[in-house]
Protein backbone atom coordinates (compact mmCIF):
# COMPACT_ATOMS: atom_id res chain seq x y z
CA MET A 1 21.58 -58.16 7.23
CA GLU A 2 19.34 -56.58 4.56
CA ARG A 3 19.45 -58.44 1.23
CA ASP A 4 17.79 -57.33 -1.95
CA THR A 5 16.19 -60.57 -3.23
CA ARG A 6 15.36 -59.30 -6.77
CA GLN A 7 16.76 -61.51 -9.40
CA ARG A 8 18.99 -59.62 -11.86
CA THR A 9 19.66 -60.82 -15.45
CA PRO A 10 22.87 -59.75 -17.10
CA GLU A 11 21.26 -58.79 -20.32
CA LYS A 12 19.13 -56.14 -18.67
CA SER A 13 20.50 -52.70 -18.16
CA THR A 14 18.09 -51.75 -15.47
CA ASP A 15 17.49 -53.07 -11.98
CA GLU A 16 13.70 -52.93 -12.48
CA PRO A 17 11.85 -56.24 -11.58
CA LYS A 18 9.88 -57.91 -14.26
CA ALA A 19 6.18 -57.20 -14.38
CA SER A 20 5.51 -60.66 -12.78
CA GLU A 21 7.93 -59.98 -9.87
CA VAL A 22 7.35 -58.14 -6.67
CA ASP A 23 10.29 -56.13 -5.29
CA MET A 24 10.90 -57.10 -1.64
CA ASN A 25 13.74 -56.52 0.88
CA VAL A 26 14.36 -59.36 3.36
CA SER A 27 16.37 -59.24 6.59
CA LEU A 28 18.37 -62.37 7.11
CA THR A 29 20.54 -63.50 10.09
CA PRO A 30 24.30 -63.82 9.21
CA GLU A 31 23.87 -67.57 9.22
CA LEU A 32 21.12 -67.44 6.64
CA ASP A 33 22.95 -64.88 4.65
CA GLU A 34 25.89 -67.22 4.48
CA PHE A 35 23.69 -70.14 3.53
CA VAL A 36 22.13 -68.21 0.62
CA ASN A 37 25.58 -67.10 -0.52
CA GLU A 38 26.85 -70.73 -0.34
CA LYS A 39 23.97 -71.91 -2.53
CA VAL A 40 24.61 -69.09 -5.20
CA THR A 41 28.28 -69.78 -5.16
CA SER A 42 27.79 -73.58 -5.51
CA GLY A 43 26.22 -72.82 -8.88
CA LEU A 44 22.94 -74.51 -7.94
CA TYR A 45 21.14 -71.17 -8.08
CA ASN A 46 21.90 -68.07 -10.08
CA SER A 47 20.81 -65.57 -7.59
CA ALA A 48 19.73 -65.06 -3.93
CA SER A 49 16.21 -64.56 -5.21
CA GLU A 50 16.12 -68.08 -6.69
CA VAL A 51 17.27 -69.40 -3.25
CA VAL A 52 14.49 -67.52 -1.45
CA ARG A 53 11.88 -68.66 -4.01
CA GLU A 54 12.93 -72.22 -3.62
CA GLY A 55 12.77 -72.00 0.17
CA LEU A 56 9.27 -70.46 -0.05
CA ARG A 57 8.06 -73.08 -2.48
CA LEU A 58 9.36 -75.82 -0.09
CA LEU A 59 7.65 -74.05 2.85
CA ARG A 60 4.32 -73.97 0.90
CA GLU A 61 4.70 -77.68 0.09
CA GLN A 62 5.39 -78.58 3.74
CA ASP A 63 2.35 -76.49 4.79
CA GLU A 64 0.23 -78.45 2.39
CA LEU A 65 1.49 -81.72 3.67
CA LYS A 66 0.79 -80.69 7.21
CA ARG A 67 -2.76 -79.61 6.21
CA MET A 68 -3.37 -82.93 4.45
CA ARG A 69 -2.03 -84.97 7.46
CA LEU A 70 -4.24 -82.92 9.84
CA GLU A 71 -7.21 -83.54 7.52
CA THR A 72 -6.48 -87.31 7.57
CA LEU A 73 -6.17 -87.22 11.37
CA ARG A 74 -9.38 -85.45 11.76
CA ALA A 75 -11.15 -88.04 9.52
CA GLU A 76 -9.72 -90.90 11.66
CA VAL A 77 -10.91 -89.27 14.84
CA GLN A 78 -14.28 -88.78 13.35
CA LYS A 79 -14.35 -92.52 12.48
CA GLY A 80 -13.56 -93.28 16.10
CA ILE A 81 -16.24 -90.96 17.33
CA ASN A 82 -18.81 -92.53 14.85
CA SER A 83 -17.73 -96.02 16.02
CA LEU A 84 -18.33 -95.08 19.73
CA ASP A 85 -21.71 -93.49 18.83
CA GLN A 86 -22.65 -96.76 17.17
CA GLY A 87 -21.84 -98.61 20.62
CA LYS A 88 -18.72 -100.32 19.04
CA GLY A 89 -16.45 -99.07 21.68
CA LYS A 90 -14.61 -101.05 24.41
CA LYS A 91 -14.56 -100.23 28.08
CA PHE A 92 -11.16 -98.69 28.86
CA ASP A 93 -9.40 -101.29 31.20
CA VAL A 94 -6.41 -99.53 32.80
CA GLU A 95 -5.62 -102.59 35.01
CA GLY A 96 -5.72 -104.89 31.91
CA ILE A 97 -3.39 -102.51 30.01
CA LYS A 98 -0.97 -102.37 32.90
CA ALA A 99 -0.93 -106.18 33.31
CA LYS A 100 -0.16 -106.61 29.50
CA GLY A 101 2.69 -104.18 29.78
CA ARG A 102 4.16 -105.79 32.89
CA ALA A 103 3.89 -109.19 31.09
CA ARG A 104 5.78 -107.86 28.02
CA LEU A 105 8.47 -106.35 30.18
CA ALA A 106 8.92 -109.56 32.07
CA GLU A 107 9.27 -111.48 28.68
CA ARG A 108 11.97 -108.98 27.54
CA LYS A 109 13.97 -109.48 30.80
CA LYS A 110 14.05 -113.32 30.35
């Protein structure tokens, strides 16, 4: 369903967007259209445009959090690589890991 997401203000007699706004038409699924309508009807938002802007703001925030987490993960991986390069690594002992796991499992079963 096509929805005009421009914010309308009652005091304006024209449908022209403000200079700082961009006119955009967005296609929504019926479920999303209903969700937007519920948000406006609830009084939390004055218009569909406000709902869409809030959703986009949250998406931007989520993208930034993902970027920061990835940056942190890359830094931690680099620390590990540096540690290995300095000879601080341990030999990978598959049988030892299995033995510890089996011992923990046996303890739980007791």
